[in-house]
């Protein structure tokens, strides 16, 4: 069994420590929101587990206390093996359709 995760790096280029909050937008089975505290002028790796999502990910990173900062990451980690279509795909398309 291969356990896969998506590595991300939280970088703080400011002069004060900050806390990043990582939350799932999809594929929430088996995963809890992450809190990553980073010292000033430092960075820290964190890992989002993908074993319950066929290596798909969709998560948002926010900085606690800085409402203007929000970054969304979504995609698929390729590992050279056969994979599945996006398990969150399906249903009616979102957007300008009525």
PDB file of N, CA and C in Angstrom:
ATOM      1  N   UNK A   1       0.838  -1.183   0.000  1.00  0.00           N
ATOM      2  CA  UNK A   1       0.000   0.000   0.000  1.00  0.00           C
ATOM      3  C   UNK A   1       0.877   1.239   0.000  1.00  0.00           C
ATOM      4  N   UNK A   2       0.570   2.166  -0.872  1.00  0.00           N
ATOM      5  CA  UNK A   2       1.324   3.417  -0.953  1.00  0.00           C
ATOM      6  C   UNK A   2       0.470   4.524  -0.343  1.00  0.00           C
ATOM      7  N   UNK A   3       1.001   5.166   0.669  1.00  0.00           N
ATOM      8  CA  UNK A   3       0.312   6.311   1.272  1.00  0.00           C
ATOM      9  C   UNK A   3       0.878   7.557   0.621  1.00  0.00           C
ATOM     10  N   UNK A   4      -0.005   8.394   0.127  1.00  0.00           N
ATOM     11  CA  UNK A   4       0.427   9.596  -0.575  1.00  0.00           C
ATOM     12  C   UNK A   4      -0.043  10.828   0.187  1.00  0.00           C
ATOM     13  N   UNK A   5       0.738  11.881   0.099  1.00  0.00           N
ATOM     14  CA  UNK A   5       0.347  13.156   0.684  1.00  0.00           C
ATOM     15  C   UNK A   5       0.878  14.271  -0.200  1.00  0.00           C
ATOM     16  N   UNK A   6       0.314  15.441  -0.030  1.00  0.00           N
ATOM     17  CA  UNK A   6       0.732  16.613  -0.780  1.00  0.00           C
ATOM     18  C   UNK A   6       1.512  17.494   0.171  1.00  0.00           C
ATOM     19  N   UNK A   7       2.804  17.704  -0.130  1.00  0.00           N
ATOM     20  CA  UNK A   7       3.632  18.563   0.715  1.00  0.00           C
ATOM     21  C   UNK A   7       3.465  20.012   0.281  1.00  0.00           C
ATOM     22  N   UNK A   8       3.266  20.861   1.248  1.00  0.00           N
ATOM     23  CA  UNK A   8       3.181  22.297   1.007  1.00  0.00           C
ATOM     24  C   UNK A   8       4.083  22.995   2.012  1.00  0.00           C
ATOM     25  N   UNK A   9       4.566  24.143   1.640  1.00  0.00           N
ATOM     26  CA  UNK A   9       5.449  24.899   2.530  1.00  0.00           C
ATOM     27  C   UNK A   9       4.781  26.215   2.904  1.00  0.00           C
ATOM     28  N   UNK A  10       4.646  26.461   4.196  1.00  0.00           N
ATOM     29  CA  UNK A  10       4.125  27.727   4.712  1.00  0.00           C
ATOM     30  C   UNK A  10       5.331  28.615   4.996  1.00  0.00           C
ATOM     31  N   UNK A  11       5.407  29.744   4.311  1.00  0.00           N
ATOM     32  CA  UNK A  11       6.550  30.654   4.454  1.00  0.00           C
ATOM     33  C   UNK A  11       6.088  31.970   5.070  1.00  0.00           C
ATOM     34  N   UNK A  12       6.803  32.400   6.088  1.00  0.00           N
ATOM     35  CA  UNK A  12       6.511  33.659   6.755  1.00  0.00           C
ATOM     36  C   UNK A  12       7.688  34.598   6.532  1.00  0.00           C
ATOM     37  N   UNK A  13       7.507  35.587   5.697  1.00  0.00           N
ATOM     38  CA  UNK A  13       8.577  36.558   5.414  1.00  0.00           C
ATOM     39  C   UNK A  13       8.455  37.809   6.276  1.00  0.00           C
ATOM     40  N   UNK A  14       7.476  37.813   7.181  1.00  0.00           N
ATOM     41  CA  UNK A  14       7.251  38.965   8.049  1.00  0.00           C
ATOM     42  C   UNK A  14       8.125  38.946   9.288  1.00  0.00           C
ATOM     43  N   UNK A  15       7.999  39.997  10.087  1.00  0.00           N
ATOM     44  CA  UNK A  15       8.823  40.143  11.289  1.00  0.00           C
ATOM     45  C   UNK A  15       8.136  39.613  12.551  1.00  0.00           C
ATOM     46  N   UNK A  16       6.913  39.104  12.418  1.00  0.00           N
ATOM     47  CA  UNK A  16       6.166  38.531  13.546  1.00  0.00           C
ATOM     48  C   UNK A  16       5.780  37.094  13.213  1.00  0.00           C
ATOM     49  N   UNK A  17       5.652  36.229  14.222  1.00  0.00           N
ATOM     50  CA  UNK A  17       5.168  34.877  13.944  1.00  0.00           C
ATOM     51  C   UNK A  17       3.739  34.927  13.400  1.00  0.00           C
ATOM     52  N   UNK A  18       3.358  33.919  12.642  1.00  0.00           N
ATOM     53  CA  UNK A  18       1.986  33.852  12.147  1.00  0.00           C
ATOM     54  C   UNK A  18       1.498  32.406  12.156  1.00  0.00           C
ATOM     55  N   UNK A  19       0.182  32.272  12.085  1.00  0.00           N
ATOM     56  CA  UNK A  19      -0.439  30.958  12.096  1.00  0.00           C
ATOM     57  C   UNK A  19      -1.241  30.779  10.818  1.00  0.00           C
ATOM     58  N   UNK A  20      -0.946  29.709  10.091  1.00  0.00           N
ATOM     59  CA  UNK A  20      -1.674  29.349   8.881  1.00  0.00           C
ATOM     60  C   UNK A  20      -2.734  28.316   9.256  1.00  0.00           C
ATOM     61  N   UNK A  21      -3.897  28.432   8.639  1.00  0.00           N
ATOM     62  CA  UNK A  21      -4.985  27.468   8.838  1.00  0.00           C
ATOM     63  C   UNK A  21      -5.284  26.835   7.487  1.00  0.00           C
ATOM     64  N   UNK A  22      -5.180  25.504   7.414  1.00  0.00           N
ATOM     65  CA  UNK A  22      -5.385  24.759   6.172  1.00  0.00           C
ATOM     66  C   UNK A  22      -6.679  23.969   6.315  1.00  0.00           C
ATOM     67  N   UNK A  23      -7.652  24.236   5.428  1.00  0.00           N
ATOM     68  CA  UNK A  23      -8.945  23.559   5.491  1.00  0.00           C
ATOM     69  C   UNK A  23      -9.289  22.940   4.139  1.00  0.00           C
ATOM     70  N   UNK A  24      -9.970  21.826   4.184  1.00  0.00           N
ATOM     71  CA  UNK A  24     -10.371  21.119   2.967  1.00  0.00           C
ATOM     72  C   UNK A  24     -11.591  21.776   2.348  1.00  0.00           C
ATOM     73  N   UNK A  25     -11.579  21.880   1.005  1.00  0.00           N
ATOM     74  CA  UNK A  25     -12.762  22.311   0.262  1.00  0.00           C
ATOM     75  C   UNK A  25     -13.513  21.090  -0.254  1.00  0.00           C
ATOM     76  N   UNK A  26     -12.797  20.045  -0.523  1.00  0.00           N
ATOM     77  CA  UNK A  26     -13.356  18.764  -0.982  1.00  0.00           C
ATOM     78  C   UNK A  26     -12.483  17.670  -0.380  1.00  0.00           C
ATOM     79  N   UNK A  27     -12.901  16.428  -0.531  1.00  0.00           N
ATOM     80  CA  UNK A  27     -12.125  15.266  -0.055  1.00  0.00           C
ATOM     81  C   UNK A  27     -11.868  15.344   1.445  1.00  0.00           C
ATOM     82  N   UNK A  28     -12.887  15.616   2.208  1.00  0.00           N
ATOM     83  CA  UNK A  28     -12.723  15.821   3.641  1.00  0.00           C
ATOM     84  C   UNK A  28     -12.680  14.532   4.446  1.00  0.00           C
ATOM     85  N   UNK A  29     -12.892  13.402   3.824  1.00  0.00           N
ATOM     86  CA  UNK A  29     -12.919  12.132   4.554  1.00  0.00           C
ATOM     87  C   UNK A  29     -11.545  11.822   5.160  1.00  0.00           C
ATOM     88  N   UNK A  30     -11.502  11.617   6.445  1.00  0.00           N
ATOM     89  CA  UNK A  30     -10.274  11.198   7.111  1.00  0.00           C
ATOM     90  C   UNK A  30      -9.247  12.288   7.332  1.00  0.00           C
ATOM     91  N   UNK A  31      -9.648  13.550   7.234  1.00  0.00           N
ATOM     92  CA  UNK A  31      -8.668  14.621   7.415  1.00  0.00           C
ATOM     93  C   UNK A  31      -9.251  15.775   8.173  1.00  0.00           C
ATOM     94  N   UNK A  32      -8.465  16.252   9.082  1.00  0.00           N
ATOM     95  CA  UNK A  32      -8.870  17.372   9.928  1.00  0.00           C
ATOM     96  C   UNK A  32      -8.149  18.636   9.480  1.00  0.00           C
ATOM     97  N   UNK A  33      -8.742  19.794   9.748  1.00  0.00           N
ATOM     98  CA  UNK A  33      -8.032  21.046   9.428  1.00  0.00           C
ATOM     99  C   UNK A  33      -6.674  21.078  10.131  1.00  0.00           C
ATOM    100  N   UNK A  34      -5.721  21.695   9.470  1.00  0.00           N
ATOM    101  CA  UNK A  34      -4.367  21.793  10.016  1.00  0.00           C
ATOM    102  C   UNK A  34      -4.103  23.223  10.473  1.00  0.00           C
ATOM    103  N   UNK A  35      -3.370  23.351  11.557  1.00  0.00           N
ATOM    104  CA  UNK A  35      -2.887  24.647  12.015  1.00  0.00           C
ATOM    105  C   UNK A  35      -1.369  24.588  11.993  1.00  0.00           C
ATOM    106  N   UNK A  36      -0.760  25.539  11.283  1.00  0.00           N
ATOM    107  CA  UNK A  36       0.694  25.551  11.124  1.00  0.00           C
ATOM    108  C   UNK A  36       1.220  26.896  11.621  1.00  0.00           C
ATOM    109  N   UNK A  37       1.962  26.876  12.707  1.00  0.00           N
ATOM    110  CA  UNK A  37       2.545  28.113  13.260  1.00  0.00           C
ATOM    111  C   UNK A  37       3.972  28.243  12.734  1.00  0.00           C
ATOM    112  N   UNK A  38       4.294  29.432  12.217  1.00  0.00           N
ATOM    113  CA  UNK A  38       5.603  29.674  11.615  1.00  0.00           C
ATOM    114  C   UNK A  38       6.226  30.912  12.251  1.00  0.00           C
ATOM    115  N   UNK A  39       7.449  30.759  12.700  1.00  0.00           N
ATOM    116  CA  UNK A  39       8.189  31.893  13.281  1.00  0.00           C
ATOM    117  C   UNK A  39       8.480  32.949  12.221  1.00  0.00           C
ATOM    118  N   UNK A  40       8.818  34.150  12.663  1.00  0.00           N
ATOM    119  CA  UNK A  40       9.187  35.228  11.738  1.00  0.00           C
ATOM    120  C   UNK A  40      10.377  34.811  10.892  1.00  0.00           C
ATOM    121  N   UNK A  41      10.368  35.171   9.622  1.00  0.00           N
ATOM    122  CA  UNK A  41      11.462  34.899   8.686  1.00  0.00           C
ATOM    123  C   UNK A  41      11.814  33.418   8.608  1.00  0.00           C
ATOM    124  N   UNK A  42      10.793  32.562   8.632  1.00  0.00           N
ATOM    125  CA  UNK A  42      11.026  31.119   8.616  1.00  0.00           C
ATOM    126  C   UNK A  42       9.978  30.462   7.722  1.00  0.00           C
ATOM    127  N   UNK A  43      10.118  29.182   7.521  1.00  0.00           N
ATOM    128  CA  UNK A  43       9.106  28.416   6.803  1.00  0.00           C
ATOM    129  C   UNK A  43       8.990  27.040   7.425  1.00  0.00           C
ATOM    130  N   UNK A  44       7.884  26.382   7.090  1.00  0.00           N
ATOM    131  CA  UNK A  44       7.623  25.071   7.672  1.00  0.00           C
ATOM    132  C   UNK A  44       6.796  24.245   6.689  1.00  0.00           C
ATOM    133  N   UNK A  45       7.202  23.003   6.497  1.00  0.00           N
ATOM    134  CA  UNK A  45       6.461  22.096   5.633  1.00  0.00           C
ATOM    135  C   UNK A  45       5.289  21.489   6.394  1.00  0.00           C
ATOM    136  N   UNK A  46       4.221  21.223   5.667  1.00  0.00           N
ATOM    137  CA  UNK A  46       3.095  20.478   6.213  1.00  0.00           C
ATOM    138  C   UNK A  46       2.588  19.558   5.116  1.00  0.00           C
ATOM    139  N   UNK A  47       1.856  18.546   5.505  1.00  0.00           N
ATOM    140  CA  UNK A  47       1.424  17.514   4.563  1.00  0.00           C
ATOM    141  C   UNK A  47      -0.082  17.332   4.634  1.00  0.00           C
ATOM    142  N   UNK A  48      -0.709  17.279   3.463  1.00  0.00           N
ATOM    143  CA  UNK A  48      -2.142  17.033   3.353  1.00  0.00           C
ATOM    144  C   UNK A  48      -2.305  15.590   2.896  1.00  0.00           C
ATOM    145  N   UNK A  49      -2.959  14.744   3.690  1.00  0.00           N
ATOM    146  CA  UNK A  49      -3.101  13.330   3.322  1.00  0.00           C
ATOM    147  C   UNK A  49      -4.038  13.155   2.129  1.00  0.00           C
ATOM    148  N   UNK A  50      -3.678  12.229   1.229  1.00  0.00           N
ATOM    149  CA  UNK A  50      -4.462  12.011   0.011  1.00  0.00           C
ATOM    150  C   UNK A  50      -4.939  10.578  -0.151  1.00  0.00           C
ATOM    151  N   UNK A  51      -4.726   9.722   0.839  1.00  0.00           N
ATOM    152  CA  UNK A  51      -5.052   8.304   0.675  1.00  0.00           C
ATOM    153  C   UNK A  51      -6.545   8.030   0.508  1.00  0.00           C
ATOM    154  N   UNK A  52      -7.419   8.951   0.939  1.00  0.00           N
ATOM    155  CA  UNK A  52      -8.867   8.731   0.817  1.00  0.00           C
ATOM    156  C   UNK A  52      -9.471   9.468  -0.373  1.00  0.00           C
ATOM    157  N   UNK A  53      -8.630  10.066  -1.208  1.00  0.00           N
ATOM    158  CA  UNK A  53      -9.156  10.884  -2.307  1.00  0.00           C
ATOM    159  C   UNK A  53      -8.574  10.510  -3.658  1.00  0.00           C
ATOM    160  N   UNK A  54      -7.978   9.326  -3.772  1.00  0.00           N
ATOM    161  CA  UNK A  54      -7.350   8.884  -5.031  1.00  0.00           C
ATOM    162  C   UNK A  54      -6.304   9.892  -5.509  1.00  0.00           C
ATOM    163  N   UNK A  55      -5.589  10.501  -4.557  1.00  0.00           N
ATOM    164  CA  UNK A  55      -4.508  11.462  -4.786  1.00  0.00           C
ATOM    165  C   UNK A  55      -4.976  12.822  -5.298  1.00  0.00           C
ATOM    166  N   UNK A  56      -6.262  13.130  -5.145  1.00  0.00           N
ATOM    167  CA  UNK A  56      -6.778  14.450  -5.485  1.00  0.00           C
ATOM    168  C   UNK A  56      -6.746  15.323  -4.243  1.00  0.00           C
ATOM    169  N   UNK A  57      -6.572  16.633  -4.432  1.00  0.00           N
ATOM    170  CA  UNK A  57      -6.588  17.571  -3.301  1.00  0.00           C
ATOM    171  C   UNK A  57      -7.285  18.863  -3.696  1.00  0.00           C
ATOM    172  N   UNK A  58      -7.869  19.513  -2.714  1.00  0.00           N
ATOM    173  CA  UNK A  58      -8.525  20.809  -2.869  1.00  0.00           C
ATOM    174  C   UNK A  58      -8.602  21.403  -1.469  1.00  0.00           C
ATOM    175  N   UNK A  59      -7.717  22.353  -1.179  1.00  0.00           N
ATOM    176  CA  UNK A  59      -7.683  22.944   0.151  1.00  0.00           C
ATOM    177  C   UNK A  59      -7.372  24.431   0.062  1.00  0.00           C
ATOM    178  N   UNK A  60      -7.720  25.137   1.124  1.00  0.00           N
ATOM    179  CA  UNK A  60      -7.476  26.576   1.215  1.00  0.00           C
ATOM    180  C   UNK A  60      -6.576  26.852   2.404  1.00  0.00           C
ATOM    181  N   UNK A  61      -5.636  27.769   2.206  1.00  0.00           N
ATOM    182  CA  UNK A  61      -4.727  28.209   3.269  1.00  0.00           C
ATOM    183  C   UNK A  61      -5.056  29.658   3.603  1.00  0.00           C
ATOM    184  N   UNK A  62      -5.266  29.915   4.882  1.00  0.00           N
ATOM    185  CA  UNK A  62      -5.521  31.275   5.358  1.00  0.00           C
ATOM    186  C   UNK A  62      -4.547  31.590   6.488  1.00  0.00           C
ATOM    187  N   UNK A  63      -4.323  32.890   6.712  1.00  0.00           N
ATOM    188  CA  UNK A  63      -3.502  33.329   7.831  1.00  0.00           C
ATOM    189  C   UNK A  63      -4.442  33.862   8.899  1.00  0.00           C
ATOM    190  N   UNK A  64      -4.335  33.311  10.107  1.00  0.00           N
ATOM    191  CA  UNK A  64      -5.172  33.747  11.226  1.00  0.00           C
ATOM    192  C   UNK A  64      -4.890  35.220  11.510  1.00  0.00           C
ATOM    193  N   UNK A  65      -5.951  36.022  11.549  1.00  0.00           N
ATOM    194  CA  UNK A  65      -5.813  37.450  11.839  1.00  0.00           C
ATOM    195  C   UNK A  65      -5.544  38.311  10.622  1.00  0.00           C
ATOM    196  N   UNK A  66      -5.415  37.717   9.451  1.00  0.00           N
ATOM    197  CA  UNK A  66      -5.170  38.463   8.213  1.00  0.00           C
ATOM    198  C   UNK A  66      -6.210  38.010   7.186  1.00  0.00           C
ATOM    199  N   UNK A  67      -7.399  38.567   7.302  1.00  0.00           N
ATOM    200  CA  UNK A  67      -8.530  38.114   6.496  1.00  0.00           C
ATOM    201  C   UNK A  67      -8.305  38.241   4.996  1.00  0.00           C
ATOM    202  N   UNK A  68      -7.453  39.147   4.562  1.00  0.00           N
ATOM    203  CA  UNK A  68      -7.225  39.347   3.128  1.00  0.00           C
ATOM    204  C   UNK A  68      -6.406  38.218   2.497  1.00  0.00           C
ATOM    205  N   UNK A  69      -5.766  37.399   3.310  1.00  0.00           N
ATOM    206  CA  UNK A  69      -4.920  36.327   2.765  1.00  0.00           C
ATOM    207  C   UNK A  69      -5.699  35.017   2.702  1.00  0.00           C
ATOM    208  N   UNK A  70      -5.895  34.528   1.479  1.00  0.00           N
ATOM    209  CA  UNK A  70      -6.536  33.243   1.255  1.00  0.00           C
ATOM    210  C   UNK A  70      -6.019  32.693  -0.065  1.00  0.00           C
ATOM    211  N   UNK A  71      -5.489  31.477  -0.043  1.00  0.00           N
ATOM    212  CA  UNK A  71      -4.976  30.836  -1.256  1.00  0.00           C
ATOM    213  C   UNK A  71      -5.588  29.454  -1.363  1.00  0.00           C
ATOM    214  N   UNK A  72      -6.090  29.123  -2.569  1.00  0.00           N
ATOM    215  CA  UNK A  72      -6.703  27.817  -2.799  1.00  0.00           C
ATOM    216  C   UNK A  72      -5.790  26.992  -3.702  1.00  0.00           C
ATOM    217  N   UNK A  73      -5.618  25.722  -3.331  1.00  0.00           N
ATOM    218  CA  UNK A  73      -4.800  24.782  -4.084  1.00  0.00           C
ATOM    219  C   UNK A  73      -5.654  23.569  -4.427  1.00  0.00           C
ATOM    220  N   UNK A  74      -5.655  23.178  -5.689  1.00  0.00           N
ATOM    221  CA  UNK A  74      -6.447  22.020  -6.105  1.00  0.00           C
ATOM    222  C   UNK A  74      -5.708  21.307  -7.227  1.00  0.00           C
ATOM    223  N   UNK A  75      -5.814  19.990  -7.252  1.00  0.00           N
ATOM    224  CA  UNK A  75      -5.177  19.232  -8.314  1.00  0.00           C
ATOM    225  C   UNK A  75      -5.082  17.760  -7.986  1.00  0.00           C
ATOM    226  N   UNK A  76      -4.143  17.110  -8.664  1.00  0.00           N
ATOM    227  CA  UNK A  76      -3.953  15.672  -8.534  1.00  0.00           C
ATOM    228  C   UNK A  76      -2.468  15.374  -8.508  1.00  0.00           C
ATOM    229  N   UNK A  77      -2.041  14.520  -7.598  1.00  0.00           N
ATOM    230  CA  UNK A  77      -0.647  14.088  -7.536  1.00  0.00           C
ATOM    231  C   UNK A  77      -0.500  12.841  -8.399  1.00  0.00           C
ATOM    232  N   UNK A  78       0.321  12.936  -9.424  1.00  0.00           N
ATOM    233  CA  UNK A  78       0.581  11.795 -10.306  1.00  0.00           C
ATOM    234  C   UNK A  78       1.700  10.950  -9.708  1.00  0.00           C
ATOM    235  N   UNK A  79       1.536   9.634  -9.772  1.00  0.00           N
ATOM    236  CA  UNK A  79       2.561   8.743  -9.229  1.00  0.00           C
ATOM    237  C   UNK A  79       2.971   7.651 -10.211  1.00  0.00           C
ATOM    238  N   UNK A  80       2.558   7.773 -11.475  1.00  0.00           N
ATOM    239  CA  UNK A  80       2.935   6.792 -12.482  1.00  0.00           C
ATOM    240  C   UNK A  80       2.040   5.571 -12.535  1.00  0.00           C
ATOM    241  N   UNK A  81       1.069   5.507 -11.668  1.00  0.00           N
ATOM    242  CA  UNK A  81       0.137   4.374 -11.639  1.00  0.00           C
ATOM    243  C   UNK A  81      -1.204   4.795 -12.230  1.00  0.00           C
ATOM    244  N   UNK A  82      -2.027   3.802 -12.538  1.00  0.00           N
ATOM    245  CA  UNK A  82      -3.378   4.107 -12.983  1.00  0.00           C
ATOM    246  C   UNK A  82      -4.078   4.881 -11.877  1.00  0.00           C
ATOM    247  N   UNK A  83      -4.920   5.815 -12.272  1.00  0.00           N
ATOM    248  CA  UNK A  83      -5.611   6.606 -11.264  1.00  0.00           C
ATOM    249  C   UNK A  83      -7.085   6.738 -11.631  1.00  0.00           C
ATOM    250  N   UNK A  84      -7.810   7.390 -10.758  1.00  0.00           N
ATOM    251  CA  UNK A  84      -9.243   7.572 -10.920  1.00  0.00           C
ATOM    252  C   UNK A  84      -9.548   9.002 -11.325  1.00  0.00           C
ATOM    253  N   UNK A  85     -10.679   9.161 -12.016  1.00  0.00           N
ATOM    254  CA  UNK A  85     -11.162  10.514 -12.283  1.00  0.00           C
ATOM    255  C   UNK A  85     -11.483  11.183 -10.961  1.00  0.00           C
ATOM    256  N   UNK A  86     -11.543  12.471 -10.984  1.00  0.00           N
ATOM    257  CA  UNK A  86     -11.804  13.264  -9.790  1.00  0.00           C
ATOM    258  C   UNK A  86     -13.038  12.744  -9.056  1.00  0.00           C
ATOM    259  N   UNK A  87     -12.882  12.221  -7.835  1.00  0.00           N
ATOM    260  CA  UNK A  87     -14.028  11.669  -7.109  1.00  0.00           C
ATOM    261  C   UNK A  87     -15.039  12.726  -6.675  1.00  0.00           C
ATOM    262  N   UNK A  88     -14.658  14.000  -6.666  1.00  0.00           N
ATOM    263  CA  UNK A  88     -15.586  15.069  -6.285  1.00  0.00           C
ATOM    264  C   UNK A  88     -16.333  15.602  -7.511  1.00  0.00           C
ATOM    265  N   UNK A  89     -15.940  15.153  -8.689  1.00  0.00           N
ATOM    266  CA  UNK A  89     -16.578  15.612  -9.909  1.00  0.00           C
ATOM    267  C   UNK A  89     -17.944  14.958 -10.041  1.00  0.00           C
ATOM    268  N   UNK A  90     -18.866  15.685 -10.520  1.00  0.00           N
ATOM    269  CA  UNK A  90     -20.203  15.133 -10.712  1.00  0.00           C
ATOM    270  C   UNK A  90     -21.259  16.134 -10.340  1.00  0.00           C
ATOM    271  N   UNK A  91     -22.424  15.841 -10.749  1.00  0.00           N
ATOM    272  CA  UNK A  91     -23.507  16.773 -10.465  1.00  0.00           C
ATOM    273  C   UNK A  91     -23.515  17.913 -11.454  1.00  0.00           C
ATOM    274  N   UNK A  92     -24.324  18.867 -11.202  1.00  0.00           N
ATOM    275  CA  UNK A  92     -24.524  19.990 -12.087  1.00  0.00           C
ATOM    276  C   UNK A  92     -23.329  20.939 -12.056  1.00  0.00           C
ATOM    277  N   UNK A  93     -22.938  21.439 -13.206  1.00  0.00           N
ATOM    278  CA  UNK A  93     -21.824  22.397 -13.298  1.00  0.00           C
ATOM    279  C   UNK A  93     -22.196  23.688 -12.582  1.00  0.00           C
ATOM    280  N   UNK A  94     -21.209  24.311 -11.966  1.00  0.00           N
ATOM    281  CA  UNK A  94     -21.409  25.591 -11.291  1.00  0.00           C
ATOM    282  C   UNK A  94     -21.066  26.709 -12.258  1.00  0.00           C
ATOM    283  N   UNK A  95     -21.592  27.879 -12.019  1.00  0.00           N
ATOM    284  CA  UNK A  95     -21.248  29.027 -12.847  1.00  0.00           C
ATOM    285  C   UNK A  95     -22.479  29.731 -13.361  1.00  0.00           C
ATOM    286  N   UNK A  96     -22.426  30.127 -14.621  1.00  0.00           N
ATOM    287  CA  UNK A  96     -23.490  30.944 -15.190  1.00  0.00           C
ATOM    288  C   UNK A  96     -24.651  30.141 -15.750  1.00  0.00           C
ATOM    289  N   UNK A  97     -24.671  28.859 -15.583  1.00  0.00           N
ATOM    290  CA  UNK A  97     -25.769  28.049 -16.111  1.00  0.00           C
ATOM    291  C   UNK A  97     -26.974  28.149 -15.198  1.00  0.00           C
ATOM    292  N   UNK A  98     -28.137  28.089 -15.790  1.00  0.00           N
ATOM    293  CA  UNK A  98     -29.360  28.151 -14.963  1.00  0.00           C
ATOM    294  C   UNK A  98     -30.057  26.825 -14.921  1.00  0.00           C
TER     295      UNK A  98
END
